[in-house]
Amino acid sequence: MIRESRRPRDNWQAQFEALGFNYHSIDGLYWDERYAYRFSSDQIDMLEQATIDLHQMALQAVDHVIRHERLAQFAIPRSFWPLVEQSWHDKEFSLYGRFDLSWDGTGHPKMLEYNADTPTGLVESSVAQWYWLQDVLPHADQFNSLHEKLIARWKTYPAKGMLHFVCAGGNEEDEGNLSYLRDTAIQAGCATKQCAIEDIGWDPSQAAFVDAMNVRIDNVFKLYPWEWLSRETFATHLLATPMRIIEPAWKMILSNKAILPVMWELFPHHPNLLPAFFDAWRIQGDFVKKPLYSREGENISIYANGTVLHTPGQYGAEGFIYQAYAPQPKFDDGITPAFTSIGSWVIGDDAAGIGIREDESLITKNTSRFIPHYFE
């Protein structure tokens, strides 16, 4: 795993905007092709296998949580417990997820967390870096079968009729990811409609959710987290509707940081896992304190090397877990030093590709730069 300096292409911005990747320069610099990461084929094989193994362990952890009635540890509202359990027993359709890994190309990749409900970074991981590869290194390869696997996965979706795609309005990044996912569903033959979640309402006469045109919503893909949905004023209606929701309710377990200590409990000393616990006193050495619910790196505290690094935010009221500290690799060319994390994608149950993020800080945030990759 080598970080290389590269010359950015001319007019790459226009190419990406034609693809719908309009947020390529949020906060001044997001997509960054001044660099690229080069892997060997053996390293890619290791990342792929680690992703498959971690996903299967995570599913076993979900089953364990439900069978042993441990939902209280996840701060899931009690009224939603039957919905979570039923969605798991029914094996409700799941589309995707993304592991965040710490790895420098040696030893074993370490799981930092699993973004299994509303992961973003999909447009750049799928189409943007693939177009970069074709222009810059057309004879190289890339760990990236996201587009094909998304279309294939949508073809297995069991429901018929209109599939609504919703997210919070006014968020360019969320809307871009949502539009891309909707496009893959269209290519799979699904009838679709996209709208803002603010435009959805409850129609008591139909006992159903409807969109702004009063069209009944029977199937919905929501780029909007379950922990928010379950606390909205309309949350009780979610318990009474037959509407199919993607990602399903059982993802409330998998996308929660409480899954980390459960996985360590079930698979102690697994080479891809870090020690993690619900109690701080059980951690030995440097560690990271993480809220059960946290997004974009908020409210993370790293206790390492005698110092504390903390990010502010709105999370933490539901509780925390404590995970052993795995320093993210640092690459420094003397110009733009960076700590690196690898996002490894799962489509259905298959490993499907990676996206790499960089930041000057140890904590990856929404504004951390995206760097393309290739392998030989």
Protein backbone atom coordinates (compact mmCIF):
# COMPACT_ATOMS: atom_id res chain seq x y z
CA MET A 1 0.00 0.00 0.00
CA ILE A 2 1.87 3.03 -1.32
CA ARG A 3 0.71 6.63 -1.52
CA GLU A 4 1.78 8.16 -4.84
CA SER A 5 1.82 11.77 -6.00
CA ARG A 6 -0.14 12.31 -9.21
CA ARG A 7 -0.90 15.15 -11.59
CA PRO A 8 -4.63 15.97 -11.56
CA ARG A 9 -6.40 15.66 -14.88
CA ASP A 10 -7.55 18.72 -16.76
CA ASN A 11 -11.31 19.41 -16.50
CA TRP A 12 -12.01 16.49 -14.15
CA GLN A 13 -14.64 18.65 -12.47
CA ALA A 14 -16.75 18.82 -15.63
CA GLN A 15 -16.54 15.05 -16.06
CA PHE A 16 -17.77 14.43 -12.53
CA GLU A 17 -20.58 16.96 -12.76
CA ALA A 18 -21.82 15.17 -15.89
CA LEU A 19 -21.90 12.00 -13.77
CA GLY A 20 -23.93 13.70 -11.02
CA PHE A 21 -20.96 13.98 -8.65
CA ASN A 22 -21.57 17.69 -8.01
CA TYR A 23 -20.22 17.83 -4.47
CA HIS A 24 -16.65 16.96 -5.51
CA SER A 25 -15.25 20.10 -3.87
CA ILE A 26 -17.26 20.51 -0.66
CA ASP A 27 -15.37 22.72 1.78
CA GLY A 28 -12.87 23.52 -0.94
CA LEU A 29 -11.24 20.10 -1.38
CA TYR A 30 -12.97 16.75 -1.17
CA TRP A 31 -12.06 14.66 -4.22
CA ASP A 32 -8.26 14.78 -4.33
CA GLU A 33 -6.45 13.17 -7.26
CA ARG A 34 -3.12 14.80 -6.43
CA TYR A 35 -2.51 11.39 -4.84
CA ALA A 36 -3.43 7.76 -5.42
CA TYR A 37 -2.95 4.58 -3.40
CA ARG A 38 -1.31 1.61 -5.07
CA PHE A 39 -1.96 -1.92 -3.80
CA SER A 40 -0.71 -5.33 -4.77
CA SER A 41 -3.18 -8.00 -5.85
CA ASP A 42 -2.40 -9.95 -2.67
CA GLN A 43 -3.30 -6.92 -0.55
CA ILE A 44 -6.61 -6.57 -2.37
CA ASP A 45 -7.32 -10.25 -1.79
CA MET A 46 -6.68 -9.72 1.93
CA LEU A 47 -9.04 -6.74 2.07
CA GLU A 48 -11.74 -8.67 0.23
CA GLN A 49 -11.50 -11.69 2.52
CA ALA A 50 -11.41 -9.54 5.67
CA THR A 51 -14.58 -7.77 4.52
CA ILE A 52 -16.39 -11.04 3.85
CA ASP A 53 -15.32 -12.46 7.21
CA LEU A 54 -16.29 -9.33 9.15
CA HIS A 55 -19.70 -9.19 7.50
CA GLN A 56 -20.47 -12.80 8.37
CA MET A 57 -19.35 -12.25 11.98
CA ALA A 58 -21.52 -9.13 12.16
CA LEU A 59 -24.57 -11.09 11.00
CA GLN A 60 -23.92 -13.74 13.63
CA ALA A 61 -23.71 -10.96 16.21
CA VAL A 62 -27.12 -9.62 15.15
CA ASP A 63 -28.62 -13.08 15.55
CA HIS A 64 -27.01 -13.38 18.99
CA VAL A 65 -28.37 -10.00 20.13
CA ILE A 66 -31.92 -10.94 19.13
CA ARG A 67 -31.84 -14.50 20.48
CA HIS A 68 -30.43 -13.34 23.82
CA GLU A 69 -32.70 -10.26 24.08
CA ARG A 70 -29.90 -7.68 24.29
CA LEU A 71 -31.57 -4.80 22.44
CA ALA A 72 -31.55 -2.64 25.59
CA GLN A 73 -27.76 -2.38 25.27
CA PHE A 74 -28.27 -0.71 21.90
CA ALA A 75 -30.54 2.09 23.20
CA ILE A 76 -33.18 1.17 20.63
CA PRO A 77 -36.61 2.46 21.69
CA ARG A 78 -38.47 -0.39 23.35
CA SER A 79 -41.52 0.07 21.14
CA PHE A 80 -39.33 -0.83 18.14
CA TRP A 81 -37.97 -4.09 19.53
CA PRO A 82 -40.70 -6.29 17.97
CA LEU A 83 -40.14 -4.60 14.58
CA VAL A 84 -36.39 -5.19 14.75
CA GLU A 85 -36.85 -8.82 15.73
CA GLN A 86 -39.50 -9.50 13.09
CA SER A 87 -37.45 -7.92 10.32
CA TRP A 88 -34.53 -10.21 11.21
CA HIS A 89 -36.68 -13.34 11.42
CA ASP A 90 -38.24 -12.43 8.05
CA LYS A 91 -34.78 -11.94 6.51
CA GLU A 92 -35.85 -8.59 5.13
CA PHE A 93 -33.90 -7.33 2.11
CA SER A 94 -30.67 -5.45 2.75
CA LEU A 95 -28.80 -3.58 0.01
CA TYR A 96 -25.43 -2.45 1.29
CA GLY A 97 -23.02 -1.38 4.02
CA ARG A 98 -19.47 -0.11 4.50
CA PHE A 99 -16.77 -1.18 6.94
CA ASP A 100 -14.25 1.41 8.05
CA LEU A 101 -10.86 -0.25 8.40
CA SER A 102 -7.43 0.73 9.70
CA TRP A 103 -4.64 -0.82 7.61
CA ASP A 104 -1.28 0.13 6.16
CA GLY A 105 -0.92 -2.89 3.89
CA THR A 106 0.85 -5.09 6.46
CA GLY A 107 -0.58 -7.43 9.08
CA HIS A 108 -4.36 -7.69 9.32
CA PRO A 109 -6.93 -4.96 8.53
CA LYS A 110 -8.69 -3.86 11.72
CA MET A 111 -12.40 -3.06 11.88
CA LEU A 112 -13.13 0.38 13.29
CA GLU A 113 -16.91 0.28 12.72
CA TYR A 114 -19.65 -0.82 10.34
CA ASN A 115 -21.75 1.83 8.62
CA ALA A 116 -24.57 -0.52 7.76
CA ASP A 117 -27.65 1.72 7.62
CA THR A 118 -26.91 4.93 5.68
CA PRO A 119 -23.33 4.85 4.37
CA THR A 120 -22.37 7.54 1.88
CA GLY A 121 -19.29 7.98 -0.30
CA LEU A 122 -20.80 5.64 -2.88
CA VAL A 123 -20.67 7.85 -5.99
CA GLU A 124 -16.96 8.53 -5.52
CA SER A 125 -16.18 4.89 -4.64
CA SER A 126 -18.10 3.50 -7.60
CA VAL A 127 -18.15 5.69 -10.70
CA ALA A 128 -15.78 8.60 -9.93
CA GLN A 129 -12.65 6.63 -9.18
CA TRP A 130 -13.43 4.19 -11.99
CA TYR A 131 -13.46 7.06 -14.52
CA TRP A 132 -10.21 8.31 -12.98
CA LEU A 133 -8.64 4.86 -13.48
CA GLN A 134 -9.69 4.69 -17.14
CA ASP A 135 -8.15 8.10 -17.84
CA VAL A 136 -4.97 7.78 -15.78
CA LEU A 137 -4.09 4.07 -15.51
CA PRO A 138 -6.19 2.22 -18.11
CA HIS A 139 -4.07 -0.93 -17.92
CA ALA A 140 -4.28 -1.19 -14.11
CA ASP A 141 -7.13 -2.66 -12.07
CA GLN A 142 -9.24 -1.46 -9.16
CA PHE A 143 -11.10 -3.17 -6.32
CA ASN A 144 -14.45 -1.86 -7.52
CA SER A 145 -17.41 -3.92 -8.72
CA LEU A 146 -19.92 -1.69 -6.93
CA HIS A 147 -21.99 -0.62 -9.91
CA GLU A 148 -22.50 -4.12 -11.29
CA LYS A 149 -23.23 -5.62 -7.89
CA LEU A 150 -25.73 -2.91 -6.96
CA ILE A 151 -27.71 -3.57 -10.13
CA ALA A 152 -27.55 -7.32 -9.56
CA ARG A 153 -28.68 -6.89 -5.95
CA TRP A 154 -31.66 -4.72 -6.90
CA LYS A 155 -32.78 -7.48 -9.27
CA THR A 156 -33.30 -9.72 -6.24
CA TYR A 157 -35.56 -7.22 -4.43
CA PRO A 158 -38.74 -9.24 -3.76
CA ALA A 159 -41.39 -6.50 -3.76
CA LYS A 160 -43.34 -5.22 -6.75
CA GLY A 161 -44.59 -1.74 -7.50
CA MET A 162 -43.11 1.73 -7.05
CA LEU A 163 -39.90 2.10 -5.03
CA HIS A 164 -39.56 5.54 -3.42
CA PHE A 165 -36.09 6.95 -2.70
CA VAL A 166 -36.00 9.52 0.10
CA CYS A 167 -33.52 11.59 2.08
CA ALA A 168 -33.49 14.91 3.88
CA GLY A 169 -33.92 17.72 1.39
CA GLY A 170 -31.20 20.29 0.77
CA ASN A 171 -28.22 18.02 1.47
CA GLU A 172 -26.27 17.86 -1.78
CA GLU A 173 -24.15 14.87 -0.77
CA ASP A 174 -27.13 12.79 0.39
CA GLU A 175 -29.14 13.72 -2.69
CA GLY A 176 -26.21 12.76 -4.93
CA ASN A 177 -25.81 9.35 -3.28
CA LEU A 178 -29.56 8.79 -3.37
CA SER A 179 -29.81 9.68 -7.08
CA TYR A 180 -26.99 7.29 -7.88
CA LEU A 181 -28.62 4.43 -5.98
CA ARG A 182 -31.91 5.19 -7.67
CA ASP A 183 -30.16 5.01 -11.06
CA THR A 184 -28.82 1.54 -10.27
CA ALA A 185 -32.33 0.44 -9.30
CA ILE A 186 -33.70 1.80 -12.57
CA GLN A 187 -31.05 -0.13 -14.48
CA ALA A 188 -32.23 -3.23 -12.62
CA GLY A 189 -35.77 -2.66 -13.90
CA CYS A 190 -37.36 -1.04 -10.82
CA ALA A 191 -40.02 1.65 -11.09
CA THR A 192 -38.78 4.51 -8.91
CA LYS A 193 -39.54 7.98 -7.58
CA GLN A 194 -37.29 10.32 -5.57
CA CYS A 195 -38.47 12.83 -2.99
CA ALA A 196 -37.48 14.60 0.21
CA ILE A 197 -38.43 12.94 3.47
CA GLU A 198 -40.05 16.23 4.53
CA ASP A 199 -42.62 15.73 1.76
CA ILE A 200 -43.84 12.40 3.12
CA GLY A 201 -46.97 12.30 5.24
CA TRP A 202 -49.32 9.84 6.93
CA ASP A 203 -52.72 9.31 5.32
CA PRO A 204 -55.09 7.85 7.95
CA SER A 205 -57.70 7.01 5.33
CA GLN A 206 -55.26 4.60 3.67
CA ALA A 207 -53.35 3.78 6.88
CA ALA A 208 -50.23 4.39 4.82
CA PHE A 209 -47.45 6.87 4.18
CA VAL A 210 -47.89 8.96 1.02
CA ASP A 211 -45.70 11.32 -0.98
CA ALA A 212 -46.45 14.94 -1.91
CA MET A 213 -48.68 13.77 -4.79
CA ASN A 214 -50.65 11.55 -2.37
CA VAL A 215 -49.15 8.42 -3.93
CA ARG A 216 -49.09 5.56 -1.46
CA ILE A 217 -45.57 4.43 -0.46
CA ASP A 218 -45.33 0.65 -0.28
CA ASN A 219 -41.56 0.35 -0.77
CA VAL A 220 -38.99 2.90 0.31
CA PHE A 221 -35.24 3.24 0.28
CA LYS A 222 -34.33 5.80 2.96
CA LEU A 223 -31.01 7.56 3.23
CA TYR A 224 -32.09 8.63 6.69
CA PRO A 225 -30.95 6.78 9.83
CA TRP A 226 -33.22 4.54 11.83
CA GLU A 227 -32.22 6.19 15.11
CA TRP A 228 -33.76 9.42 13.77
CA LEU A 229 -36.81 7.72 12.25
CA SER A 230 -37.63 5.89 15.47
CA ARG A 231 -37.71 9.19 17.38
CA GLU A 232 -39.77 11.27 14.91
CA THR A 233 -43.33 12.32 15.72
CA PHE A 234 -44.61 9.88 13.07
CA ALA A 235 -42.60 6.97 14.52
CA THR A 236 -45.64 5.11 15.84
CA HIS A 237 -46.99 4.82 12.29
CA LEU A 238 -43.84 2.92 11.29
CA LEU A 239 -44.96 0.19 13.67
CA ALA A 240 -48.35 -0.14 12.01
CA THR A 241 -47.57 0.05 8.29
CA PRO A 242 -46.75 -2.88 5.98
CA MET A 243 -44.39 -0.58 4.05
CA ARG A 244 -41.10 -2.28 3.13
CA ILE A 245 -38.12 -0.22 4.24
CA ILE A 246 -34.53 -0.41 2.99
CA GLU A 247 -32.33 -0.65 4.99
CA PRO A 248 -34.51 -2.92 7.19
CA ALA A 249 -35.14 -2.43 10.90
CA TRP A 250 -32.61 -5.11 11.92
CA LYS A 251 -29.89 -2.77 10.66
CA MET A 252 -30.57 -0.74 13.83
CA ILE A 253 -28.38 -3.35 15.52
CA LEU A 254 -25.67 -3.60 12.91
CA SER A 255 -25.13 0.14 12.45
CA ASN A 256 -24.88 0.74 16.21
CA LYS A 257 -21.45 0.96 17.89
CA ALA A 258 -22.73 -1.50 20.51
CA ILE A 259 -22.17 -4.21 17.90
CA LEU A 260 -18.40 -3.80 18.44
CA PRO A 261 -18.22 -5.23 21.99
CA VAL A 262 -20.70 -7.96 21.03
CA MET A 263 -18.51 -9.03 18.12
CA TRP A 264 -15.41 -9.04 20.35
CA GLU A 265 -17.32 -11.12 22.92
CA LEU A 266 -18.31 -13.68 20.29
CA PHE A 267 -15.01 -13.71 18.38
CA PRO A 268 -12.30 -12.73 20.89
CA HIS A 269 -8.83 -12.16 19.46
CA HIS A 270 -10.00 -12.43 15.87
CA PRO A 271 -7.22 -10.81 13.79
CA ASN A 272 -9.63 -8.34 12.11
CA LEU A 273 -11.26 -7.17 15.35
CA LEU A 274 -10.15 -4.75 18.06
CA PRO A 275 -10.95 -5.35 21.74
CA ALA A 276 -14.17 -3.50 22.57
CA PHE A 277 -16.29 -3.29 25.72
CA PHE A 278 -19.27 -1.55 27.27
CA ASP A 279 -17.17 -0.68 30.36
CA ALA A 280 -14.10 1.56 30.21
CA TRP A 281 -12.31 -0.28 33.01
CA ARG A 282 -12.01 -3.40 30.86
CA ILE A 283 -9.84 -1.63 28.26
CA GLN A 284 -6.10 -1.91 28.66
CA GLY A 285 -3.80 0.65 27.06
CA ASP A 286 -4.79 3.36 24.60
CA PHE A 287 -8.45 3.41 23.59
CA VAL A 288 -11.23 5.25 21.76
CA LYS A 289 -14.51 6.28 23.37
CA LYS A 290 -17.38 6.13 20.86
CA PRO A 291 -21.08 7.03 21.25
CA LEU A 292 -23.55 4.28 20.40
CA TYR A 293 -24.89 6.65 17.77
CA SER A 294 -22.41 8.90 16.01
CA ARG A 295 -22.00 10.30 12.52
CA GLU A 296 -19.28 12.12 10.63
CA GLY A 297 -16.77 11.62 13.43
CA GLU A 298 -18.72 13.56 16.07
CA ASN A 299 -18.19 13.06 19.83
CA ILE A 300 -15.25 10.69 19.36
CA SER A 301 -12.49 10.76 22.02
CA ILE A 302 -9.08 9.17 21.46
CA TYR A 303 -6.98 8.51 24.56
CA ALA A 304 -3.53 7.66 23.23
CA ASN A 305 0.12 8.41 23.94
CA GLY A 306 -0.78 10.43 27.03
CA THR A 307 -3.03 12.85 25.14
CA VAL A 308 -6.75 13.19 24.39
CA LEU A 309 -8.18 14.07 21.00
CA HIS A 310 -11.89 14.93 21.08
CA THR A 311 -14.41 16.06 18.48
CA PRO A 312 -17.55 17.97 19.48
CA GLY A 313 -21.05 17.05 18.39
CA GLN A 314 -24.60 16.17 19.34
CA TYR A 315 -24.19 12.50 20.26
CA GLY A 316 -23.56 10.56 23.45
CA ALA A 317 -26.82 10.75 25.40
CA GLU A 318 -27.55 7.07 24.72
CA GLY A 319 -24.19 5.87 26.03
CA PHE A 320 -20.72 4.89 24.83
CA ILE A 321 -18.54 1.90 24.03
CA TYR A 322 -14.76 1.64 24.46
CA GLN A 323 -12.58 0.21 21.71
CA ALA A 324 -8.84 -0.43 21.70
CA TYR A 325 -6.94 2.21 19.77
CA ALA A 326 -5.62 1.19 16.35
CA PRO A 327 -3.64 4.12 14.93
CA GLN A 328 -4.55 4.82 11.33
CA PRO A 329 -1.53 4.79 9.04
CA LYS A 330 0.10 8.14 8.40
CA PHE A 331 1.53 9.04 5.00
CA ASP A 332 3.68 12.15 4.74
CA ASP A 333 5.25 13.50 1.56
CA GLY A 334 6.29 16.71 3.27
CA ILE A 335 3.47 18.62 1.56
CA THR A 336 0.16 17.08 2.61
CA PRO A 337 0.52 14.64 5.51
CA ALA A 338 -2.50 12.47 6.06
CA PHE A 339 -4.00 9.77 8.24
CA THR A 340 -5.75 7.19 6.09
CA SER A 341 -8.83 5.00 6.52
CA ILE A 342 -10.23 2.42 4.13
CA GLY A 343 -13.95 2.10 3.52
CA SER A 344 -14.72 -1.44 2.33
CA TRP A 345 -18.13 -1.95 0.76
CA VAL A 346 -20.56 -4.82 1.09
CA ILE A 347 -23.38 -5.29 -1.43
CA GLY A 348 -25.83 -7.92 -0.25
CA ASP A 349 -23.37 -10.33 1.36
CA ASP A 350 -20.50 -9.72 -1.08
CA ALA A 351 -17.38 -7.58 -0.79
CA ALA A 352 -17.60 -5.05 -3.63
CA GLY A 353 -14.78 -2.50 -3.46
CA ILE A 354 -13.04 0.17 -1.42
CA GLY A 355 -12.84 3.94 -1.06
CA ILE A 356 -10.01 5.70 0.75
CA ARG A 357 -10.33 8.78 2.95
CA GLU A 358 -7.60 11.08 4.25
CA ASP A 359 -7.52 13.67 7.01
CA GLU A 360 -4.91 15.70 8.87
CA SER A 361 -6.60 14.40 12.03
CA LEU A 362 -6.85 10.83 13.33
CA ILE A 363 -10.65 11.13 13.18
CA THR A 364 -12.25 10.75 9.76
CA LYS A 365 -14.98 13.35 9.22
CA ASN A 366 -17.53 14.26 6.55
CA THR A 367 -15.02 16.64 4.98
CA SER A 368 -12.08 14.20 4.89
CA ARG A 369 -10.60 13.94 1.41
CA PHE A 370 -11.36 11.05 -0.95
CA ILE A 371 -8.34 9.53 -2.74
CA PRO A 372 -8.56 7.07 -5.67
CA HIS A 373 -6.74 3.74 -5.70
CA TYR A 374 -5.55 1.02 -8.05
CA PHE A 375 -3.69 -2.28 -7.97
CA GLU A 376 -1.39 -4.20 -10.26
